[in-house]
C-alpha cells in the first residue's frame, strides 16, 4: 500500500521511510507543500503522513485536498505543537495525530488503524477461507500453518484481502504495492503466481482483462 509522506522535515522522513517499509508499505516523499498537493491530488494513496510545521502550510494542504474530494486517511505529525493546533488539524480533515518524536510501534499502529477503517475493516486480522493475514504481526497462516511470504507478496495479498470481493486490476496492484522502478504487469503476475503456490491456487481468482479477486 502506498503512503505519501507530505511536507515532513528531512530528519523525520529518514525515520519514517524504513519504519513504513518494515510494515509492508511503499513510501513516497513530497518535500514541499506544492509537491504534496500535486501528488495527493493526482495519485492514489492508502494514507498520507502530513508534517505539521510552523507557518500553517498544512492548513492549506488539508483544505485543498478535502475540497477536491480527496478523502484518503491522514495521520498528522508535529513537534512542539499545542492542543489548539491539534484540534485545528482534526477539524480541517486529519484522521489522527502524533507528536514528535514518535514511537515506531505507535506510529504503525495508528497508521494501520486509519487505513483498515478506510477499507471498512475493524481488525488487523483479515480472513479468506483458510487463509488468515495479520497486518500488525506481519504473519500469514493457511489452516493454522505459518506461510513465509516476501514483503512484496505480503503487500499484494494485503491489498487483495482488504478489497475482498472486489476485482483489483494489475495496474492498481502495481501502483499500490510496488516501488516505481518495478511497477510492471509482469512483476504483478509473477508475484501472484508465487502467492498461489504458497497459499493455494483457489484463493486468488483471475478475471481476464480485469484483474484479480479474492471472493467474500
N, C-alpha and C. Protein backbone atom coordinates (compact mmCIF):
# COMPACT_ATOMS: atom_id res chain seq x y z
N UNK A 1 0.83 -1.19 0.00
CA UNK A 1 0.00 0.00 0.00
C UNK A 1 0.88 1.25 0.00
N UNK A 2 0.52 2.23 -0.81
CA UNK A 2 1.33 3.44 -0.95
C UNK A 2 0.98 4.45 0.14
N UNK A 3 2.01 4.99 0.76
CA UNK A 3 1.86 6.03 1.77
C UNK A 3 2.62 7.26 1.30
N UNK A 4 1.96 8.41 1.30
CA UNK A 4 2.60 9.67 0.94
C UNK A 4 3.11 10.35 2.20
N UNK A 5 4.41 10.62 2.24
CA UNK A 5 5.00 11.42 3.32
C UNK A 5 5.01 12.86 2.82
N UNK A 6 4.18 13.71 3.42
CA UNK A 6 3.93 15.05 2.88
C UNK A 6 4.48 16.14 3.78
N UNK A 7 5.43 16.92 3.25
CA UNK A 7 5.92 18.12 3.92
C UNK A 7 6.48 17.84 5.31
N UNK A 8 7.15 16.70 5.46
CA UNK A 8 7.84 16.41 6.71
C UNK A 8 9.31 16.85 6.58
N UNK A 9 9.94 17.22 7.69
CA UNK A 9 11.34 17.61 7.61
C UNK A 9 12.21 16.39 7.28
N UNK A 10 13.43 16.66 6.84
CA UNK A 10 14.32 15.61 6.35
C UNK A 10 14.60 14.55 7.41
N UNK A 11 14.85 14.99 8.64
CA UNK A 11 15.17 14.04 9.71
C UNK A 11 14.00 13.10 9.98
N UNK A 12 12.79 13.64 9.98
CA UNK A 12 11.61 12.81 10.21
C UNK A 12 11.40 11.83 9.07
N UNK A 13 11.58 12.29 7.84
CA UNK A 13 11.41 11.43 6.67
C UNK A 13 12.38 10.26 6.71
N UNK A 14 13.61 10.51 7.16
CA UNK A 14 14.61 9.44 7.24
C UNK A 14 14.20 8.36 8.24
N UNK A 15 13.47 8.75 9.26
CA UNK A 15 12.98 7.77 10.23
C UNK A 15 11.73 7.06 9.74
N UNK A 16 10.88 7.79 9.02
CA UNK A 16 9.61 7.23 8.56
C UNK A 16 9.80 6.15 7.50
N UNK A 17 10.66 6.42 6.53
CA UNK A 17 10.78 5.52 5.37
C UNK A 17 11.08 4.07 5.76
N UNK A 18 12.12 3.81 6.58
CA UNK A 18 12.39 2.41 6.94
C UNK A 18 11.30 1.80 7.82
N UNK A 19 10.68 2.61 8.68
CA UNK A 19 9.60 2.10 9.52
C UNK A 19 8.43 1.64 8.66
N UNK A 20 8.08 2.43 7.67
CA UNK A 20 6.97 2.08 6.78
C UNK A 20 7.31 0.85 5.94
N UNK A 21 8.53 0.81 5.44
CA UNK A 21 8.95 -0.33 4.62
C UNK A 21 8.89 -1.63 5.43
N UNK A 22 9.27 -1.57 6.70
CA UNK A 22 9.27 -2.77 7.53
C UNK A 22 7.87 -3.31 7.75
N UNK A 23 6.86 -2.43 7.60
CA UNK A 23 5.47 -2.84 7.80
C UNK A 23 4.76 -3.15 6.49
N UNK A 24 5.52 -3.22 5.39
CA UNK A 24 4.94 -3.60 4.11
C UNK A 24 4.35 -2.46 3.31
N UNK A 25 4.64 -1.22 3.69
CA UNK A 25 4.14 -0.06 2.95
C UNK A 25 5.17 0.39 1.92
N UNK A 26 4.68 1.02 0.86
CA UNK A 26 5.55 1.68 -0.11
C UNK A 26 5.48 3.18 0.17
N UNK A 27 6.58 3.77 0.59
CA UNK A 27 6.59 5.18 0.99
C UNK A 27 7.09 6.06 -0.15
N UNK A 28 6.41 7.18 -0.37
CA UNK A 28 6.83 8.17 -1.35
C UNK A 28 6.85 9.53 -0.67
N UNK A 29 7.87 10.32 -0.98
CA UNK A 29 8.09 11.56 -0.26
C UNK A 29 7.80 12.78 -1.12
N UNK A 30 7.07 13.73 -0.54
CA UNK A 30 6.87 15.05 -1.16
C UNK A 30 7.41 16.07 -0.17
N UNK A 31 8.53 16.69 -0.50
CA UNK A 31 9.24 17.51 0.47
C UNK A 31 8.72 18.94 0.58
N UNK A 32 7.89 19.38 -0.36
CA UNK A 32 7.34 20.73 -0.30
C UNK A 32 5.82 20.67 -0.33
N UNK A 33 5.14 21.70 0.17
CA UNK A 33 3.68 21.71 0.12
C UNK A 33 3.12 21.60 -1.30
N UNK A 34 3.78 22.23 -2.26
CA UNK A 34 3.30 22.17 -3.64
C UNK A 34 3.39 20.75 -4.20
N UNK A 35 4.53 20.08 -3.93
CA UNK A 35 4.68 18.70 -4.38
C UNK A 35 3.65 17.79 -3.69
N UNK A 36 3.45 18.03 -2.39
CA UNK A 36 2.48 17.22 -1.65
C UNK A 36 1.08 17.41 -2.20
N UNK A 37 0.71 18.64 -2.48
CA UNK A 37 -0.62 18.92 -3.05
C UNK A 37 -0.79 18.20 -4.38
N UNK A 38 0.21 18.31 -5.26
CA UNK A 38 0.10 17.72 -6.59
C UNK A 38 -0.04 16.20 -6.51
N UNK A 39 0.84 15.55 -5.74
CA UNK A 39 0.78 14.09 -5.64
C UNK A 39 -0.51 13.64 -4.97
N UNK A 40 -0.91 14.30 -3.90
CA UNK A 40 -2.15 13.92 -3.22
C UNK A 40 -3.38 14.11 -4.07
N UNK A 41 -3.31 15.06 -5.02
CA UNK A 41 -4.47 15.33 -5.87
C UNK A 41 -4.51 14.47 -7.12
N UNK A 42 -3.37 13.92 -7.54
CA UNK A 42 -3.32 13.20 -8.81
C UNK A 42 -3.03 11.71 -8.68
N UNK A 43 -2.49 11.28 -7.54
CA UNK A 43 -2.15 9.88 -7.35
C UNK A 43 -3.07 9.24 -6.30
N UNK A 44 -3.07 7.91 -6.25
CA UNK A 44 -3.88 7.19 -5.27
C UNK A 44 -2.99 6.66 -4.15
N UNK A 45 -3.32 7.03 -2.93
CA UNK A 45 -2.56 6.59 -1.76
C UNK A 45 -3.49 5.96 -0.74
N UNK A 46 -2.97 4.98 -0.02
CA UNK A 46 -3.76 4.37 1.06
C UNK A 46 -3.87 5.30 2.25
N UNK A 47 -2.87 6.17 2.43
CA UNK A 47 -2.89 7.16 3.51
C UNK A 47 -1.77 8.15 3.27
N UNK A 48 -1.85 9.27 4.00
CA UNK A 48 -0.81 10.29 3.97
C UNK A 48 -0.34 10.59 5.39
N UNK A 49 0.98 10.74 5.56
CA UNK A 49 1.54 11.24 6.80
C UNK A 49 1.93 12.69 6.55
N UNK A 50 1.27 13.61 7.24
CA UNK A 50 1.41 15.04 6.96
C UNK A 50 2.19 15.73 8.07
N UNK A 51 3.23 16.44 7.69
CA UNK A 51 4.01 17.20 8.65
C UNK A 51 3.29 18.48 9.03
N UNK A 52 3.15 18.72 10.33
CA UNK A 52 2.53 19.95 10.83
C UNK A 52 3.66 20.83 11.36
N UNK A 53 3.99 21.86 10.59
CA UNK A 53 5.10 22.73 10.95
C UNK A 53 4.61 24.16 11.07
N UNK A 54 5.48 25.02 11.61
CA UNK A 54 5.10 26.43 11.74
C UNK A 54 4.89 27.04 10.37
N UNK A 55 4.00 28.01 10.29
CA UNK A 55 3.70 28.65 9.02
C UNK A 55 2.35 28.29 8.48
N UNK A 56 1.79 27.16 8.95
CA UNK A 56 0.41 26.83 8.60
C UNK A 56 0.20 26.25 7.22
N UNK A 57 1.28 25.76 6.55
CA UNK A 57 1.10 25.19 5.21
C UNK A 57 0.17 23.99 5.24
N UNK A 58 0.18 23.26 6.35
CA UNK A 58 -0.69 22.07 6.46
C UNK A 58 -2.16 22.44 6.34
N UNK A 59 -2.52 23.65 6.80
CA UNK A 59 -3.92 24.08 6.73
C UNK A 59 -4.38 24.13 5.29
N UNK A 60 -3.56 24.74 4.43
CA UNK A 60 -3.93 24.85 3.01
C UNK A 60 -3.97 23.48 2.35
N UNK A 61 -2.99 22.61 2.69
CA UNK A 61 -2.97 21.28 2.11
C UNK A 61 -4.24 20.50 2.46
N UNK A 62 -4.58 20.48 3.73
CA UNK A 62 -5.77 19.77 4.16
C UNK A 62 -7.02 20.32 3.49
N UNK A 63 -7.15 21.63 3.45
CA UNK A 63 -8.33 22.23 2.86
C UNK A 63 -8.44 21.93 1.37
N UNK A 64 -7.32 22.06 0.65
CA UNK A 64 -7.35 21.83 -0.80
C UNK A 64 -7.67 20.38 -1.12
N UNK A 65 -7.07 19.44 -0.37
CA UNK A 65 -7.37 18.02 -0.61
C UNK A 65 -8.83 17.71 -0.34
N UNK A 66 -9.34 18.15 0.79
CA UNK A 66 -10.72 17.82 1.14
C UNK A 66 -11.70 18.53 0.22
N UNK A 67 -11.41 19.75 -0.18
CA UNK A 67 -12.30 20.44 -1.12
C UNK A 67 -12.30 19.79 -2.50
N UNK A 68 -11.19 19.11 -2.81
CA UNK A 68 -11.09 18.38 -4.09
C UNK A 68 -11.60 16.94 -3.95
N UNK A 69 -12.24 16.66 -2.81
CA UNK A 69 -12.83 15.34 -2.54
C UNK A 69 -11.78 14.23 -2.50
N UNK A 70 -10.61 14.58 -1.96
CA UNK A 70 -9.56 13.59 -1.73
C UNK A 70 -9.69 13.16 -0.27
N UNK A 71 -10.22 11.95 -0.08
CA UNK A 71 -10.60 11.52 1.26
C UNK A 71 -9.71 10.42 1.83
N UNK A 72 -8.47 10.30 1.33
CA UNK A 72 -7.55 9.31 1.89
C UNK A 72 -7.29 9.65 3.36
N UNK A 73 -7.02 8.63 4.19
CA UNK A 73 -6.74 8.87 5.61
C UNK A 73 -5.46 9.70 5.78
N UNK A 74 -5.46 10.56 6.80
CA UNK A 74 -4.31 11.42 7.06
C UNK A 74 -3.89 11.30 8.52
N UNK A 75 -2.61 10.98 8.72
CA UNK A 75 -2.00 11.00 10.05
C UNK A 75 -1.09 12.21 10.11
N UNK A 76 -1.34 13.11 11.06
CA UNK A 76 -0.54 14.33 11.20
C UNK A 76 0.57 14.13 12.22
N UNK A 77 1.76 14.64 11.89
CA UNK A 77 2.92 14.58 12.79
C UNK A 77 3.41 15.99 13.04
N UNK A 78 3.71 16.31 14.31
CA UNK A 78 4.22 17.65 14.59
C UNK A 78 5.06 17.68 15.84
N UNK A 79 5.92 18.71 15.92
CA UNK A 79 6.81 18.88 17.06
C UNK A 79 6.45 20.18 17.80
N UNK A 80 6.43 20.10 19.12
CA UNK A 80 6.17 21.28 19.93
C UNK A 80 4.86 21.99 19.56
N UNK A 81 3.84 21.21 19.30
CA UNK A 81 2.55 21.79 18.95
C UNK A 81 1.62 21.74 20.15
N UNK A 82 0.76 22.73 20.26
CA UNK A 82 -0.14 22.80 21.39
C UNK A 82 -1.49 22.17 21.06
N UNK A 83 -2.36 22.11 22.05
CA UNK A 83 -3.66 21.47 21.89
C UNK A 83 -4.49 22.15 20.81
N UNK A 84 -4.44 23.47 20.74
CA UNK A 84 -5.22 24.19 19.74
C UNK A 84 -4.82 23.80 18.32
N UNK A 85 -3.52 23.56 18.11
CA UNK A 85 -3.05 23.14 16.79
C UNK A 85 -3.62 21.78 16.42
N UNK A 86 -3.58 20.84 17.37
CA UNK A 86 -4.09 19.50 17.09
C UNK A 86 -5.59 19.53 16.82
N UNK A 87 -6.32 20.34 17.57
CA UNK A 87 -7.76 20.47 17.32
C UNK A 87 -7.99 21.03 15.92
N UNK A 88 -7.18 22.01 15.54
CA UNK A 88 -7.29 22.59 14.20
C UNK A 88 -7.01 21.55 13.12
N UNK A 89 -5.99 20.73 13.35
CA UNK A 89 -5.63 19.67 12.39
C UNK A 89 -6.80 18.71 12.17
N UNK A 90 -7.41 18.27 13.26
CA UNK A 90 -8.53 17.34 13.15
C UNK A 90 -9.73 18.02 12.50
N UNK A 91 -10.01 19.25 12.89
CA UNK A 91 -11.15 19.97 12.31
C UNK A 91 -11.01 20.16 10.82
N UNK A 92 -9.77 20.28 10.34
CA UNK A 92 -9.54 20.52 8.91
C UNK A 92 -9.50 19.23 8.09
N UNK A 93 -9.60 18.07 8.76
CA UNK A 93 -9.74 16.84 7.98
C UNK A 93 -8.77 15.72 8.26
N UNK A 94 -7.80 15.93 9.17
CA UNK A 94 -6.90 14.82 9.52
C UNK A 94 -7.66 13.78 10.35
N UNK A 95 -7.22 12.54 10.28
CA UNK A 95 -7.90 11.46 10.99
C UNK A 95 -7.33 11.22 12.38
N UNK A 96 -6.03 11.47 12.54
CA UNK A 96 -5.39 11.29 13.84
C UNK A 96 -4.10 12.08 13.85
N UNK A 97 -3.50 12.24 15.01
CA UNK A 97 -2.26 12.99 15.11
C UNK A 97 -1.31 12.30 16.07
N UNK A 98 -0.03 12.65 15.93
CA UNK A 98 1.01 12.04 16.76
C UNK A 98 2.12 13.07 16.94
N UNK A 99 2.53 13.35 18.19
CA UNK A 99 3.62 14.30 18.41
C UNK A 99 4.98 13.69 18.09
N UNK A 100 5.90 14.53 17.72
CA UNK A 100 7.29 14.11 17.51
C UNK A 100 8.09 14.36 18.78
N UNK A 101 9.09 13.51 19.09
CA UNK A 101 9.47 12.31 18.33
C UNK A 101 8.46 11.19 18.54
N UNK A 102 8.24 10.38 17.49
CA UNK A 102 7.26 9.31 17.57
C UNK A 102 7.91 7.99 17.99
N UNK A 103 7.08 7.11 18.53
CA UNK A 103 7.49 5.74 18.80
C UNK A 103 7.04 4.89 17.61
N UNK A 104 7.96 4.15 17.03
CA UNK A 104 7.67 3.41 15.80
C UNK A 104 6.42 2.56 15.91
N UNK A 105 6.28 1.82 17.00
CA UNK A 105 5.14 0.91 17.14
C UNK A 105 3.82 1.68 17.19
N UNK A 106 3.82 2.84 17.86
CA UNK A 106 2.59 3.63 17.94
C UNK A 106 2.24 4.22 16.58
N UNK A 107 3.25 4.72 15.87
CA UNK A 107 3.01 5.27 14.54
C UNK A 107 2.37 4.23 13.63
N UNK A 108 2.96 3.03 13.58
CA UNK A 108 2.45 1.99 12.70
C UNK A 108 1.06 1.53 13.14
N UNK A 109 0.82 1.46 14.44
CA UNK A 109 -0.49 1.07 14.94
C UNK A 109 -1.56 2.07 14.52
N UNK A 110 -1.28 3.36 14.69
CA UNK A 110 -2.24 4.39 14.29
C UNK A 110 -2.47 4.39 12.77
N UNK A 111 -1.38 4.23 12.02
CA UNK A 111 -1.48 4.21 10.57
C UNK A 111 -2.31 3.02 10.10
N UNK A 112 -2.01 1.85 10.63
CA UNK A 112 -2.78 0.65 10.28
C UNK A 112 -4.26 0.84 10.58
N UNK A 113 -4.56 1.47 11.72
CA UNK A 113 -5.95 1.65 12.13
C UNK A 113 -6.73 2.53 11.14
N UNK A 114 -6.14 3.66 10.74
CA UNK A 114 -6.89 4.54 9.83
C UNK A 114 -6.98 3.95 8.43
N UNK A 115 -5.96 3.17 8.02
CA UNK A 115 -6.02 2.53 6.70
C UNK A 115 -7.10 1.46 6.67
N UNK A 116 -7.11 0.59 7.67
CA UNK A 116 -8.08 -0.51 7.62
C UNK A 116 -9.51 0.01 7.77
N UNK A 117 -9.71 1.07 8.57
CA UNK A 117 -11.06 1.65 8.68
C UNK A 117 -11.51 2.21 7.35
N UNK A 118 -10.58 2.77 6.57
CA UNK A 118 -10.95 3.31 5.26
C UNK A 118 -11.41 2.23 4.31
N UNK A 119 -10.96 0.98 4.54
CA UNK A 119 -11.40 -0.16 3.74
C UNK A 119 -12.60 -0.87 4.37
N UNK A 120 -13.05 -0.38 5.52
CA UNK A 120 -14.22 -0.97 6.16
C UNK A 120 -13.92 -2.13 7.07
N UNK A 121 -12.67 -2.25 7.55
CA UNK A 121 -12.28 -3.34 8.43
C UNK A 121 -12.02 -2.82 9.83
N UNK A 122 -12.46 -3.56 10.84
CA UNK A 122 -12.25 -3.15 12.22
C UNK A 122 -11.02 -3.79 12.84
N UNK A 123 -10.61 -4.94 12.32
CA UNK A 123 -9.49 -5.69 12.90
C UNK A 123 -8.33 -5.74 11.92
N UNK A 124 -7.12 -5.87 12.47
CA UNK A 124 -5.93 -6.03 11.63
C UNK A 124 -5.79 -7.45 11.11
N UNK A 125 -6.65 -8.36 11.59
CA UNK A 125 -6.64 -9.74 11.12
C UNK A 125 -7.70 -9.92 10.04
N UNK A 126 -7.25 -10.30 8.85
CA UNK A 126 -8.12 -10.49 7.70
C UNK A 126 -8.18 -11.97 7.35
N UNK A 127 -9.38 -12.44 6.98
CA UNK A 127 -9.56 -13.87 6.72
C UNK A 127 -10.24 -14.09 5.37
N UNK A 128 -9.74 -15.07 4.64
CA UNK A 128 -10.36 -15.51 3.38
C UNK A 128 -10.23 -17.03 3.32
N UNK A 129 -11.36 -17.71 3.47
CA UNK A 129 -11.35 -19.16 3.53
C UNK A 129 -10.38 -19.62 4.63
N UNK A 130 -9.40 -20.45 4.28
CA UNK A 130 -8.47 -20.96 5.30
C UNK A 130 -7.26 -20.06 5.50
N UNK A 131 -7.22 -18.93 4.80
CA UNK A 131 -6.08 -18.01 4.89
C UNK A 131 -6.39 -16.89 5.88
N UNK A 132 -5.46 -16.66 6.82
CA UNK A 132 -5.59 -15.54 7.75
C UNK A 132 -4.33 -14.69 7.68
N UNK A 133 -4.54 -13.38 7.55
CA UNK A 133 -3.43 -12.43 7.44
C UNK A 133 -3.54 -11.44 8.60
N UNK A 134 -2.44 -11.30 9.34
CA UNK A 134 -2.39 -10.36 10.46
C UNK A 134 -1.45 -9.22 10.08
N UNK A 135 -2.01 -8.05 9.80
CA UNK A 135 -1.21 -6.92 9.35
C UNK A 135 -0.26 -6.44 10.44
N UNK A 136 -0.69 -6.42 11.68
CA UNK A 136 0.15 -5.91 12.75
C UNK A 136 1.35 -6.82 13.01
N UNK A 137 1.11 -8.13 13.01
CA UNK A 137 2.18 -9.08 13.29
C UNK A 137 2.95 -9.49 12.04
N UNK A 138 2.44 -9.09 10.85
CA UNK A 138 3.06 -9.44 9.57
C UNK A 138 3.17 -10.96 9.43
N UNK A 139 2.07 -11.64 9.76
CA UNK A 139 2.05 -13.11 9.72
C UNK A 139 0.88 -13.57 8.86
N UNK A 140 1.11 -14.59 8.03
CA UNK A 140 0.07 -15.23 7.23
C UNK A 140 0.04 -16.71 7.58
N UNK A 141 -1.16 -17.24 7.82
CA UNK A 141 -1.30 -18.66 8.07
C UNK A 141 -2.33 -19.26 7.11
N UNK A 142 -2.13 -20.52 6.77
CA UNK A 142 -3.07 -21.29 5.96
C UNK A 142 -3.45 -22.53 6.76
N UNK A 143 -4.71 -22.60 7.15
CA UNK A 143 -5.19 -23.70 8.02
C UNK A 143 -4.34 -23.82 9.27
N UNK A 144 -3.94 -22.67 9.82
CA UNK A 144 -3.16 -22.63 11.05
C UNK A 144 -1.67 -22.77 10.87
N UNK A 145 -1.22 -23.04 9.65
CA UNK A 145 0.21 -23.21 9.37
C UNK A 145 0.80 -21.90 8.87
N UNK A 146 1.89 -21.45 9.49
CA UNK A 146 2.52 -20.20 9.09
C UNK A 146 3.16 -20.35 7.71
N UNK A 147 2.89 -19.39 6.85
CA UNK A 147 3.46 -19.38 5.50
C UNK A 147 4.41 -18.20 5.38
N UNK A 148 5.61 -18.45 4.93
CA UNK A 148 6.60 -17.39 4.78
C UNK A 148 6.43 -16.67 3.44
N UNK A 149 6.15 -15.37 3.52
CA UNK A 149 5.99 -14.55 2.33
C UNK A 149 7.06 -13.47 2.29
N UNK A 150 7.43 -13.07 1.09
CA UNK A 150 8.30 -11.91 0.94
C UNK A 150 7.49 -10.65 1.25
N UNK A 151 8.17 -9.52 1.43
CA UNK A 151 7.48 -8.26 1.71
C UNK A 151 6.54 -7.90 0.57
N UNK A 152 6.96 -8.15 -0.66
CA UNK A 152 6.11 -7.84 -1.81
C UNK A 152 4.89 -8.74 -1.86
N UNK A 153 5.08 -10.02 -1.62
CA UNK A 153 3.95 -10.95 -1.61
C UNK A 153 2.96 -10.58 -0.51
N UNK A 154 3.48 -10.21 0.65
CA UNK A 154 2.61 -9.82 1.76
C UNK A 154 1.80 -8.57 1.40
N UNK A 155 2.42 -7.61 0.76
CA UNK A 155 1.73 -6.38 0.37
C UNK A 155 0.63 -6.64 -0.64
N UNK A 156 0.91 -7.47 -1.64
CA UNK A 156 -0.10 -7.79 -2.65
C UNK A 156 -1.27 -8.53 -2.02
N UNK A 157 -0.98 -9.52 -1.18
CA UNK A 157 -2.05 -10.27 -0.52
C UNK A 157 -2.86 -9.35 0.39
N UNK A 158 -2.20 -8.44 1.10
CA UNK A 158 -2.91 -7.49 1.95
C UNK A 158 -3.91 -6.67 1.14
N UNK A 159 -3.45 -6.16 0.01
CA UNK A 159 -4.32 -5.32 -0.82
C UNK A 159 -5.53 -6.10 -1.31
N UNK A 160 -5.31 -7.33 -1.74
CA UNK A 160 -6.42 -8.16 -2.23
C UNK A 160 -7.39 -8.51 -1.11
N UNK A 161 -6.88 -8.74 0.09
CA UNK A 161 -7.75 -9.11 1.20
C UNK A 161 -8.47 -7.90 1.77
N UNK A 162 -7.82 -6.74 1.77
CA UNK A 162 -8.51 -5.52 2.16
C UNK A 162 -9.69 -5.24 1.23
N UNK A 163 -9.51 -5.57 -0.05
CA UNK A 163 -10.56 -5.33 -1.04
C UNK A 163 -11.28 -6.62 -1.43
N UNK A 164 -11.38 -7.52 -0.49
CA UNK A 164 -12.02 -8.80 -0.74
C UNK A 164 -13.42 -8.61 -1.31
N UNK A 165 -13.71 -9.36 -2.39
CA UNK A 165 -15.00 -9.23 -3.06
C UNK A 165 -14.98 -8.22 -4.19
N UNK A 166 -13.85 -7.53 -4.37
CA UNK A 166 -13.70 -6.52 -5.43
C UNK A 166 -12.57 -6.92 -6.36
N UNK A 167 -12.76 -6.76 -7.66
CA UNK A 167 -11.69 -7.03 -8.62
C UNK A 167 -10.65 -5.92 -8.53
N UNK A 168 -9.40 -6.29 -8.36
CA UNK A 168 -8.30 -5.34 -8.28
C UNK A 168 -7.42 -5.51 -9.52
N UNK A 169 -7.26 -4.45 -10.29
CA UNK A 169 -6.52 -4.55 -11.54
C UNK A 169 -5.02 -4.70 -11.29
N UNK A 170 -4.32 -5.22 -12.31
CA UNK A 170 -2.86 -5.33 -12.22
C UNK A 170 -2.23 -3.96 -12.04
N UNK A 171 -2.79 -2.97 -12.72
CA UNK A 171 -2.27 -1.61 -12.61
C UNK A 171 -2.39 -1.10 -11.18
N UNK A 172 -3.54 -1.31 -10.55
CA UNK A 172 -3.73 -0.86 -9.17
C UNK A 172 -2.79 -1.57 -8.21
N UNK A 173 -2.62 -2.88 -8.40
CA UNK A 173 -1.70 -3.63 -7.55
C UNK A 173 -0.26 -3.12 -7.71
N UNK A 174 0.12 -2.85 -8.95
CA UNK A 174 1.47 -2.34 -9.19
C UNK A 174 1.67 -0.98 -8.55
N UNK A 175 0.68 -0.09 -8.70
CA UNK A 175 0.78 1.26 -8.15
C UNK A 175 0.81 1.25 -6.63
N UNK A 176 0.03 0.37 -6.02
CA UNK A 176 -0.16 0.44 -4.57
C UNK A 176 0.84 -0.40 -3.77
N UNK A 177 1.50 -1.35 -4.41
CA UNK A 177 2.35 -2.27 -3.64
C UNK A 177 3.79 -2.39 -4.15
N UNK A 178 4.11 -1.79 -5.29
CA UNK A 178 5.45 -1.91 -5.85
C UNK A 178 6.13 -0.55 -5.87
N UNK A 179 7.44 -0.56 -5.69
CA UNK A 179 8.20 0.67 -5.88
C UNK A 179 8.22 1.02 -7.37
N UNK A 180 8.41 2.30 -7.65
CA UNK A 180 8.24 2.80 -9.01
C UNK A 180 9.07 2.05 -10.03
N UNK A 181 10.28 1.68 -9.68
CA UNK A 181 11.18 1.04 -10.64
C UNK A 181 10.73 -0.36 -11.04
N UNK A 182 9.82 -0.97 -10.26
CA UNK A 182 9.41 -2.35 -10.56
C UNK A 182 7.91 -2.47 -10.80
N UNK A 183 7.23 -1.37 -11.15
CA UNK A 183 5.79 -1.40 -11.37
C UNK A 183 5.46 -1.86 -12.79
N UNK A 184 5.46 -3.17 -12.99
CA UNK A 184 5.13 -3.73 -14.29
C UNK A 184 4.09 -4.83 -14.13
N UNK A 185 3.36 -5.07 -15.20
CA UNK A 185 2.36 -6.14 -15.19
C UNK A 185 3.02 -7.49 -14.97
N UNK A 186 4.18 -7.69 -15.58
CA UNK A 186 4.89 -8.96 -15.41
C UNK A 186 5.28 -9.20 -13.95
N UNK A 187 5.69 -8.14 -13.26
CA UNK A 187 6.07 -8.27 -11.85
C UNK A 187 4.86 -8.67 -11.01
N UNK A 188 3.71 -8.10 -11.32
CA UNK A 188 2.48 -8.45 -10.59
C UNK A 188 2.11 -9.90 -10.85
N UNK A 189 2.14 -10.33 -12.11
CA UNK A 189 1.80 -11.70 -12.46
C UNK A 189 2.72 -12.69 -11.78
N UNK A 190 4.01 -12.38 -11.72
CA UNK A 190 4.98 -13.28 -11.07
C UNK A 190 4.70 -13.38 -9.57
N UNK A 191 4.35 -12.26 -8.96
CA UNK A 191 4.05 -12.26 -7.53
C UNK A 191 2.79 -13.06 -7.24
N UNK A 192 1.75 -12.88 -8.05
CA UNK A 192 0.51 -13.64 -7.88
C UNK A 192 0.77 -15.13 -8.02
N UNK A 193 1.61 -15.50 -8.99
CA UNK A 193 1.93 -16.91 -9.22
C UNK A 193 2.61 -17.51 -8.00
N UNK A 194 3.55 -16.78 -7.40
CA UNK A 194 4.23 -17.29 -6.21
C UNK A 194 3.27 -17.39 -5.03
N UNK A 195 2.38 -16.40 -4.89
CA UNK A 195 1.40 -16.43 -3.81
C UNK A 195 0.50 -17.66 -3.92
N UNK A 196 0.06 -17.95 -5.12
CA UNK A 196 -0.83 -19.11 -5.32
C UNK A 196 -0.16 -20.41 -4.91
N UNK A 197 1.11 -20.53 -5.21
CA UNK A 197 1.82 -21.74 -4.83
C UNK A 197 1.92 -21.87 -3.31
N UNK A 198 1.97 -20.74 -2.62
CA UNK A 198 2.16 -20.75 -1.17
C UNK A 198 0.86 -20.85 -0.38
N UNK A 199 -0.22 -20.21 -0.87
CA UNK A 199 -1.46 -20.17 -0.07
C UNK A 199 -2.60 -20.98 -0.69
N UNK A 200 -2.40 -21.48 -1.92
CA UNK A 200 -3.46 -22.24 -2.58
C UNK A 200 -3.94 -21.53 -3.83
N UNK A 201 -4.02 -22.27 -4.93
CA UNK A 201 -4.38 -21.67 -6.22
C UNK A 201 -5.82 -21.17 -6.25
N UNK A 202 -6.68 -21.72 -5.38
CA UNK A 202 -8.10 -21.36 -5.44
C UNK A 202 -8.42 -20.05 -4.71
N UNK A 203 -7.47 -19.53 -3.94
CA UNK A 203 -7.74 -18.33 -3.14
C UNK A 203 -7.84 -17.08 -4.01
N UNK A 204 -6.90 -16.90 -4.93
CA UNK A 204 -6.87 -15.72 -5.79
C UNK A 204 -7.36 -16.10 -7.18
N UNK A 205 -8.47 -15.52 -7.60
CA UNK A 205 -9.03 -15.79 -8.92
C UNK A 205 -8.58 -14.72 -9.91
N UNK A 206 -8.47 -15.12 -11.17
CA UNK A 206 -8.13 -14.19 -12.24
C UNK A 206 -9.39 -13.82 -13.02
N UNK A 207 -9.58 -12.55 -13.24
CA UNK A 207 -10.65 -12.06 -14.11
C UNK A 207 -9.97 -11.49 -15.35
N UNK A 208 -10.06 -12.23 -16.44
CA UNK A 208 -9.32 -11.88 -17.64
C UNK A 208 -9.62 -10.46 -18.09
N UNK A 209 -8.54 -9.72 -18.35
CA UNK A 209 -8.61 -8.32 -18.80
C UNK A 209 -9.16 -7.38 -17.74
N UNK A 210 -9.34 -7.88 -16.54
CA UNK A 210 -9.87 -7.03 -15.46
C UNK A 210 -8.94 -6.99 -14.25
N UNK A 211 -8.49 -8.17 -13.77
CA UNK A 211 -7.61 -8.16 -12.61
C UNK A 211 -7.74 -9.42 -11.77
N UNK A 212 -7.60 -9.27 -10.48
CA UNK A 212 -7.60 -10.40 -9.55
C UNK A 212 -8.62 -10.19 -8.45
N UNK A 213 -9.09 -11.32 -7.90
CA UNK A 213 -10.20 -11.26 -6.95
C UNK A 213 -10.02 -12.32 -5.88
N UNK A 214 -10.25 -11.93 -4.61
CA UNK A 214 -10.48 -12.90 -3.54
C UNK A 214 -11.94 -12.78 -3.15
N UNK A 215 -12.66 -13.87 -3.27
CA UNK A 215 -14.11 -13.83 -3.02
C UNK A 215 -14.41 -13.59 -1.54
N UNK A 216 -15.56 -12.99 -1.29
CA UNK A 216 -16.03 -12.84 0.08
C UNK A 216 -16.48 -14.17 0.63
